Amino acid sequence: MTKKILCIFALFCFLTTFHSYSFYSYFPIWNDTNLLETNSSASNDFISLESESAILIEQTTGEILFEKNCHKKLRPASVTKIMSLILIMEALDRGDISLETQISCSEKASSMGGSQIWLDNKETLTVNDMLKAICVNSANDCVVAMAEYIAGSEEAFVQMMNDKAKEIGMKNTIFYNSSGLDNTTQGNLSTTYDMALLTKY
């Protein structure tokens, strides 16, 4: 059941949460069709893309059907939340939390900025509502609150994210925060290839 929920949430993340970021720099196949042009003069490329990097894989086998600079390191922005959601779902599977678990909001979580639902540190939300806010509104305050609840601190949760990235084989990815918010000089880095591994997982 949680795998189905995660698939739905992942789709919501991809389709609804990247209004503040250069989403199509990472997943240009979904961009305006004007960017997809037949390129008859190219020997290796059957389409011409304006984005820096792209990848298209077969979901079950992982076979690369198309790629452009797929190992180039870029900022994943809120696509980072896919990894955070996986760890939340795995905590649900283990029984560490339930959809009804009440999650409080720390001062740090409430002060995240960027996309958020303006959580106050005096209120709590259920995991179910936190997940909706993360997926539909890309809520940075909610993902940090969840990270702190599951791991004790966002820093410990980020270590879990990096451990999971290694487990999946994401060799060119490093996470410094759970939200993807680039408000420091040390922002998250990944590649379209690694993100394809993540979404396949």
C-alpha atoms as a PDB file:
ATOM      1  CA  MET A   1       0.000   0.000   0.000  1.00  0.00           C
ATOM      2  CA  THR A   2       2.759   2.460   0.911  1.00  0.00           C
ATOM      3  CA  LYS A   3       4.474   1.836  -2.442  1.00  0.00           C
ATOM      4  CA  LYS A   4       1.300   2.947  -4.228  1.00  0.00           C
ATOM      5  CA  ILE A   5       1.032   5.990  -1.989  1.00  0.00           C
ATOM      6  CA  LEU A   6       4.672   6.884  -2.647  1.00  0.00           C
ATOM      7  CA  CYS A   7       4.188   6.593  -6.404  1.00  0.00           C
ATOM      8  CA  ILE A   8       1.239   8.986  -6.210  1.00  0.00           C
ATOM      9  CA  PHE A   9       3.170  11.393  -3.997  1.00  0.00           C
ATOM     10  CA  ALA A  10       6.205  11.240  -6.280  1.00  0.00           C
ATOM     11  CA  LEU A  11       4.012  12.117  -9.248  1.00  0.00           C
ATOM     12  CA  PHE A  12       2.549  15.051  -7.319  1.00  0.00           C
ATOM     13  CA  CYS A  13       6.070  16.205  -6.474  1.00  0.00           C
ATOM     14  CA  PHE A  14       7.161  16.111 -10.084  1.00  0.00           C
ATOM     15  CA  LEU A  15       4.079  17.831 -11.459  1.00  0.00           C
ATOM     16  CA  THR A  16       3.235  20.430  -8.835  1.00  0.00           C
ATOM     17  CA  THR A  17       6.127  21.516  -6.650  1.00  0.00           C
ATOM     18  CA  PHE A  18       8.848  23.102  -8.736  1.00  0.00           C
ATOM     19  CA  HIS A  19       7.420  26.514  -9.561  1.00  0.00           C
ATOM     20  CA  SER A  20      10.367  28.173  -7.781  1.00  0.00           C
ATOM     21  CA  TYR A  21      13.110  26.174  -9.461  1.00  0.00           C
ATOM     22  CA  SER A  22      14.542  25.312 -12.866  1.00  0.00           C
ATOM     23  CA  PHE A  23      12.665  22.027 -12.880  1.00  0.00           C
ATOM     24  CA  TYR A  24      12.928  21.493 -16.606  1.00  0.00           C
ATOM     25  CA  SER A  25      16.694  21.791 -16.463  1.00  0.00           C
ATOM     26  CA  TYR A  26      16.597  18.333 -14.931  1.00  0.00           C
ATOM     27  CA  PHE A  27      13.558  16.735 -16.578  1.00  0.00           C
ATOM     28  CA  PRO A  28      13.168  18.510 -19.929  1.00  0.00           C
ATOM     29  CA  ILE A  29      11.172  15.744 -21.604  1.00  0.00           C
ATOM     30  CA  TRP A  30       8.164  17.163 -19.732  1.00  0.00           C
ATOM     31  CA  ASN A  31       8.803  20.731 -20.829  1.00  0.00           C
ATOM     32  CA  ASP A  32       6.997  22.695 -23.495  1.00  0.00           C
ATOM     33  CA  THR A  33       6.855  20.676 -26.715  1.00  0.00           C
ATOM     34  CA  ASN A  34       8.502  23.585 -28.525  1.00  0.00           C
ATOM     35  CA  LEU A  35      11.788  22.439 -26.964  1.00  0.00           C
ATOM     36  CA  LEU A  36      11.526  19.013 -28.570  1.00  0.00           C
ATOM     37  CA  GLU A  37      12.647  19.333 -32.164  1.00  0.00           C
ATOM     38  CA  THR A  38      13.708  16.761 -34.694  1.00  0.00           C
ATOM     39  CA  ASN A  39      17.426  17.048 -35.289  1.00  0.00           C
ATOM     40  CA  SER A  40      18.154  15.272 -38.538  1.00  0.00           C
ATOM     41  CA  SER A  41      21.740  16.552 -38.697  1.00  0.00           C
ATOM     42  CA  ALA A  42      22.776  15.060 -35.355  1.00  0.00           C
ATOM     43  CA  SER A  43      24.506  11.706 -35.499  1.00  0.00           C
ATOM     44  CA  ASN A  44      23.769  10.602 -31.919  1.00  0.00           C
ATOM     45  CA  ASP A  45      20.842  12.824 -30.905  1.00  0.00           C
ATOM     46  CA  PHE A  46      17.387  12.341 -32.364  1.00  0.00           C
ATOM     47  CA  ILE A  47      16.061  15.382 -30.491  1.00  0.00           C
ATOM     48  CA  SER A  48      17.556  18.739 -29.611  1.00  0.00           C
ATOM     49  CA  LEU A  49      17.099  19.936 -26.030  1.00  0.00           C
ATOM     50  CA  GLU A  50      17.869  23.319 -24.526  1.00  0.00           C
ATOM     51  CA  SER A  51      18.356  21.873 -21.037  1.00  0.00           C
ATOM     52  CA  GLU A  52      21.773  21.134 -19.577  1.00  0.00           C
ATOM     53  CA  SER A  53      20.975  17.527 -18.754  1.00  0.00           C
ATOM     54  CA  ALA A  54      18.320  14.906 -19.469  1.00  0.00           C
ATOM     55  CA  ILE A  55      17.636  11.205 -19.205  1.00  0.00           C
ATOM     56  CA  LEU A  56      14.905   8.783 -20.216  1.00  0.00           C
ATOM     57  CA  ILE A  57      14.966   5.237 -18.862  1.00  0.00           C
ATOM     58  CA  GLU A  58      12.840   2.116 -19.112  1.00  0.00           C
ATOM     59  CA  GLN A  59      11.234   1.863 -15.682  1.00  0.00           C
ATOM     60  CA  THR A  60      11.608  -1.842 -14.924  1.00  0.00           C
ATOM     61  CA  THR A  61      15.047  -2.564 -16.405  1.00  0.00           C
ATOM     62  CA  GLY A  62      16.694   0.829 -15.997  1.00  0.00           C
ATOM     63  CA  GLU A  63      17.889   0.730 -19.619  1.00  0.00           C
ATOM     64  CA  ILE A  64      18.845   4.215 -20.787  1.00  0.00           C
ATOM     65  CA  LEU A  65      16.753   5.112 -23.826  1.00  0.00           C
ATOM     66  CA  PHE A  66      18.042   8.669 -24.151  1.00  0.00           C
ATOM     67  CA  GLU A  67      20.509  10.817 -22.253  1.00  0.00           C
ATOM     68  CA  LYS A  68      22.248  14.142 -22.471  1.00  0.00           C
ATOM     69  CA  ASN A  69      25.007  14.955 -19.972  1.00  0.00           C
ATOM     70  CA  CYS A  70      23.282  12.604 -17.546  1.00  0.00           C
ATOM     71  CA  HIS A  71      26.258  12.548 -15.139  1.00  0.00           C
ATOM     72  CA  LYS A  72      26.608  16.326 -14.912  1.00  0.00           C
ATOM     73  CA  LYS A  73      26.203  17.528 -11.320  1.00  0.00           C
ATOM     74  CA  LEU A  74      23.371  20.002 -10.864  1.00  0.00           C
ATOM     75  CA  ARG A  75      21.221  21.311  -8.036  1.00  0.00           C
ATOM     76  CA  PRO A  76      18.183  18.990  -7.668  1.00  0.00           C
ATOM     77  CA  ALA A  77      16.123  21.611  -5.786  1.00  0.00           C
ATOM     78  CA  SER A  78      12.839  20.158  -4.497  1.00  0.00           C
ATOM     79  CA  VAL A  79      13.316  16.864  -6.337  1.00  0.00           C
ATOM     80  CA  THR A  80      15.370  16.247  -3.163  1.00  0.00           C
ATOM     81  CA  LYS A  81      12.043  15.627  -1.434  1.00  0.00           C
ATOM     82  CA  ILE A  82      11.641  12.331  -3.307  1.00  0.00           C
ATOM     83  CA  MET A  83      14.442  10.918  -1.143  1.00  0.00           C
ATOM     84  CA  SER A  84      12.910  12.429   1.995  1.00  0.00           C
ATOM     85  CA  LEU A  85       9.547  10.883   1.088  1.00  0.00           C
ATOM     86  CA  ILE A  86      11.136   7.458   0.603  1.00  0.00           C
ATOM     87  CA  LEU A  87      12.610   7.587   4.109  1.00  0.00           C
ATOM     88  CA  ILE A  88       9.269   8.713   5.553  1.00  0.00           C
ATOM     89  CA  MET A  89       7.505   5.838   3.767  1.00  0.00           C
ATOM     90  CA  GLU A  90      10.077   3.356   5.028  1.00  0.00           C
ATOM     91  CA  ALA A  91       9.496   4.632   8.566  1.00  0.00           C
ATOM     92  CA  LEU A  92       5.791   3.958   7.984  1.00  0.00           C
ATOM     93  CA  ASP A  93       6.579   0.439   6.726  1.00  0.00           C
ATOM     94  CA  ARG A  94       8.693  -0.284   9.825  1.00  0.00           C
ATOM     95  CA  GLY A  95       5.925   0.920  12.103  1.00  0.00           C
ATOM     96  CA  ASP A  96       8.077   3.719  13.559  1.00  0.00           C
ATOM     97  CA  ILE A  97       5.277   6.154  12.690  1.00  0.00           C
ATOM     98  CA  SER A  98       1.701   5.893  11.455  1.00  0.00           C
ATOM     99  CA  LEU A  99      -0.373   8.199   9.272  1.00  0.00           C
ATOM    100  CA  GLU A 100      -2.068   9.411  12.459  1.00  0.00           C
ATOM    101  CA  THR A 101       1.159  10.227  14.352  1.00  0.00           C
ATOM    102  CA  GLN A 102       1.155  13.863  15.476  1.00  0.00           C
ATOM    103  CA  ILE A 103       4.238  15.810  14.353  1.00  0.00           C
ATOM    104  CA  SER A 104       5.230  19.041  16.061  1.00  0.00           C
ATOM    105  CA  CYS A 105       7.017  21.932  14.384  1.00  0.00           C
ATOM    106  CA  SER A 106      10.314  23.221  15.763  1.00  0.00           C
ATOM    107  CA  GLU A 107      11.587  26.799  15.526  1.00  0.00           C
ATOM    108  CA  LYS A 108      13.995  25.653  12.819  1.00  0.00           C
ATOM    109  CA  ALA A 109      11.264  24.001  10.756  1.00  0.00           C
ATOM    110  CA  SER A 110       8.952  27.007  11.002  1.00  0.00           C
ATOM    111  CA  SER A 111      11.719  29.372   9.857  1.00  0.00           C
ATOM    112  CA  MET A 112      12.750  27.479   6.703  1.00  0.00           C
ATOM    113  CA  GLY A 113      11.281  29.874   4.142  1.00  0.00           C
ATOM    114  CA  GLY A 114      10.730  29.111   0.482  1.00  0.00           C
ATOM    115  CA  SER A 115       7.725  26.932  -0.310  1.00  0.00           C
ATOM    116  CA  GLN A 116       5.882  26.253   2.935  1.00  0.00           C
ATOM    117  CA  ILE A 117       2.492  26.147   4.662  1.00  0.00           C
ATOM    118  CA  TRP A 118       3.534  28.578   7.432  1.00  0.00           C
ATOM    119  CA  LEU A 119       3.579  26.063  10.267  1.00  0.00           C
ATOM    120  CA  ASP A 120       3.716  27.563  13.733  1.00  0.00           C
ATOM    121  CA  ASN A 121       5.898  25.968  16.395  1.00  0.00           C
ATOM    122  CA  LYS A 122       2.844  25.722  18.668  1.00  0.00           C
ATOM    123  CA  GLU A 123       0.869  23.462  16.312  1.00  0.00           C
ATOM    124  CA  THR A 124       1.044  19.837  15.243  1.00  0.00           C
ATOM    125  CA  LEU A 125      -0.071  17.983  12.123  1.00  0.00           C
ATOM    126  CA  THR A 126      -0.569  14.293  11.423  1.00  0.00           C
ATOM    127  CA  VAL A 127       1.927  12.475   9.217  1.00  0.00           C
ATOM    128  CA  ASN A 128      -0.887  12.146   6.676  1.00  0.00           C
ATOM    129  CA  ASP A 129      -1.327  15.927   6.488  1.00  0.00           C
ATOM    130  CA  MET A 130       2.435  16.516   6.518  1.00  0.00           C
ATOM    131  CA  LEU A 131       2.799  14.242   3.482  1.00  0.00           C
ATOM    132  CA  LYS A 132       0.082  16.103   1.601  1.00  0.00           C
ATOM    133  CA  ALA A 133       1.740  19.440   2.357  1.00  0.00           C
ATOM    134  CA  ILE A 134       5.161  18.157   1.262  1.00  0.00           C
ATOM    135  CA  CYS A 135       3.850  16.755  -2.006  1.00  0.00           C
ATOM    136  CA  VAL A 136       1.251  19.311  -3.042  1.00  0.00           C
ATOM    137  CA  ASN A 137       2.905  22.472  -1.734  1.00  0.00           C
ATOM    138  CA  SER A 138       6.559  21.370  -1.535  1.00  0.00           C
ATOM    139  CA  ALA A 139       6.435  22.449   2.107  1.00  0.00           C
ATOM    140  CA  ASN A 140       9.960  22.934   3.430  1.00  0.00           C
ATOM    141  CA  ASP A 141       8.693  23.458   6.987  1.00  0.00           C
ATOM    142  CA  CYS A 142       6.872  20.104   6.923  1.00  0.00           C
ATOM    143  CA  VAL A 143       9.740  18.064   5.475  1.00  0.00           C
ATOM    144  CA  VAL A 144      12.130  19.440   8.107  1.00  0.00           C
ATOM    145  CA  ALA A 145       9.607  18.721  10.879  1.00  0.00           C
ATOM    146  CA  MET A 146       9.281  15.140   9.618  1.00  0.00           C
ATOM    147  CA  ALA A 147      13.061  14.767   9.362  1.00  0.00           C
ATOM    148  CA  GLU A 148      13.520  15.942  12.938  1.00  0.00           C
ATOM    149  CA  TYR A 149      10.823  13.599  14.240  1.00  0.00           C
ATOM    150  CA  ILE A 150      12.148  10.512  12.448  1.00  0.00           C
ATOM    151  CA  ALA A 151      15.889  10.990  13.051  1.00  0.00           C
ATOM    152  CA  GLY A 152      16.056  13.372  16.008  1.00  0.00           C
ATOM    153  CA  SER A 153      17.556  16.181  13.916  1.00  0.00           C
ATOM    154  CA  GLU A 154      17.633  17.229  10.287  1.00  0.00           C
ATOM    155  CA  GLU A 155      21.380  16.564  10.235  1.00  0.00           C
ATOM    156  CA  ALA A 156      20.848  12.941  11.286  1.00  0.00           C
ATOM    157  CA  PHE A 157      18.080  12.582   8.704  1.00  0.00           C
ATOM    158  CA  VAL A 158      20.389  13.940   5.988  1.00  0.00           C
ATOM    159  CA  GLN A 159      22.914  11.250   6.935  1.00  0.00           C
ATOM    160  CA  MET A 160      20.149   8.688   6.388  1.00  0.00           C
ATOM    161  CA  MET A 161      19.484  10.270   2.982  1.00  0.00           C
ATOM    162  CA  ASN A 162      23.140   9.976   1.991  1.00  0.00           C
ATOM    163  CA  ASP A 163      23.310   6.382   3.252  1.00  0.00           C
ATOM    164  CA  LYS A 164      20.237   5.513   1.183  1.00  0.00           C
ATOM    165  CA  ALA A 165      21.765   7.239  -1.852  1.00  0.00           C
ATOM    166  CA  LYS A 166      24.834   4.989  -1.548  1.00  0.00           C
ATOM    167  CA  GLU A 167      22.603   1.933  -1.167  1.00  0.00           C
ATOM    168  CA  ILE A 168      20.742   2.806  -4.372  1.00  0.00           C
ATOM    169  CA  GLY A 169      23.994   3.476  -6.261  1.00  0.00           C
ATOM    170  CA  MET A 170      23.715   7.260  -6.538  1.00  0.00           C
ATOM    171  CA  LYS A 171      27.463   7.846  -6.791  1.00  0.00           C
ATOM    172  CA  ASN A 172      27.336  11.526  -7.768  1.00  0.00           C
ATOM    173  CA  THR A 173      24.796  12.719  -5.223  1.00  0.00           C
ATOM    174  CA  ILE A 174      25.301  14.471  -1.904  1.00  0.00           C
ATOM    175  CA  PHE A 175      22.578  15.897   0.306  1.00  0.00           C
ATOM    176  CA  TYR A 176      23.123  18.709   2.790  1.00  0.00           C
ATOM    177  CA  ASN A 177      19.463  19.278   3.658  1.00  0.00           C
ATOM    178  CA  SER A 178      16.141  17.436   3.443  1.00  0.00           C
ATOM    179  CA  SER A 179      14.209  20.002   1.406  1.00  0.00           C
ATOM    180  CA  GLY A 180      16.427  20.983  -1.515  1.00  0.00           C
ATOM    181  CA  LEU A 181      16.191  24.639  -0.523  1.00  0.00           C
ATOM    182  CA  ASP A 182      19.295  26.418  -1.820  1.00  0.00           C
ATOM    183  CA  ASN A 183      19.850  29.074   0.801  1.00  0.00           C
ATOM    184  CA  THR A 184      23.505  28.337   1.481  1.00  0.00           C
ATOM    185  CA  THR A 185      26.669  27.951  -0.554  1.00  0.00           C
ATOM    186  CA  GLN A 186      26.546  24.227   0.235  1.00  0.00           C
ATOM    187  CA  GLY A 187      23.461  23.116  -1.681  1.00  0.00           C
ATOM    188  CA  ASN A 188      22.511  19.569  -2.600  1.00  0.00           C
ATOM    189  CA  LEU A 189      24.081  18.128  -5.759  1.00  0.00           C
ATOM    190  CA  SER A 190      22.940  15.286  -7.991  1.00  0.00           C
ATOM    191  CA  THR A 191      22.674  14.158 -11.604  1.00  0.00           C
ATOM    192  CA  THR A 192      19.790  13.170 -13.827  1.00  0.00           C
ATOM    193  CA  TYR A 193      21.216   9.635 -13.894  1.00  0.00           C
ATOM    194  CA  ASP A 194      21.210   9.411 -10.095  1.00  0.00           C
ATOM    195  CA  MET A 195      17.701  10.853  -9.919  1.00  0.00           C
ATOM    196  CA  ALA A 196      16.562   8.229 -12.415  1.00  0.00           C
ATOM    197  CA  LEU A 197      17.985   5.557 -10.085  1.00  0.00           C
ATOM    198  CA  LEU A 198      16.123   7.170  -7.195  1.00  0.00           C
ATOM    199  CA  THR A 199      12.772   7.329  -8.941  1.00  0.00           C
ATOM    200  CA  LYS A 200      13.206   3.762 -10.215  1.00  0.00           C
ATOM    201  CA  TYR A 201      13.866   2.653  -6.611  1.00  0.00           C
END
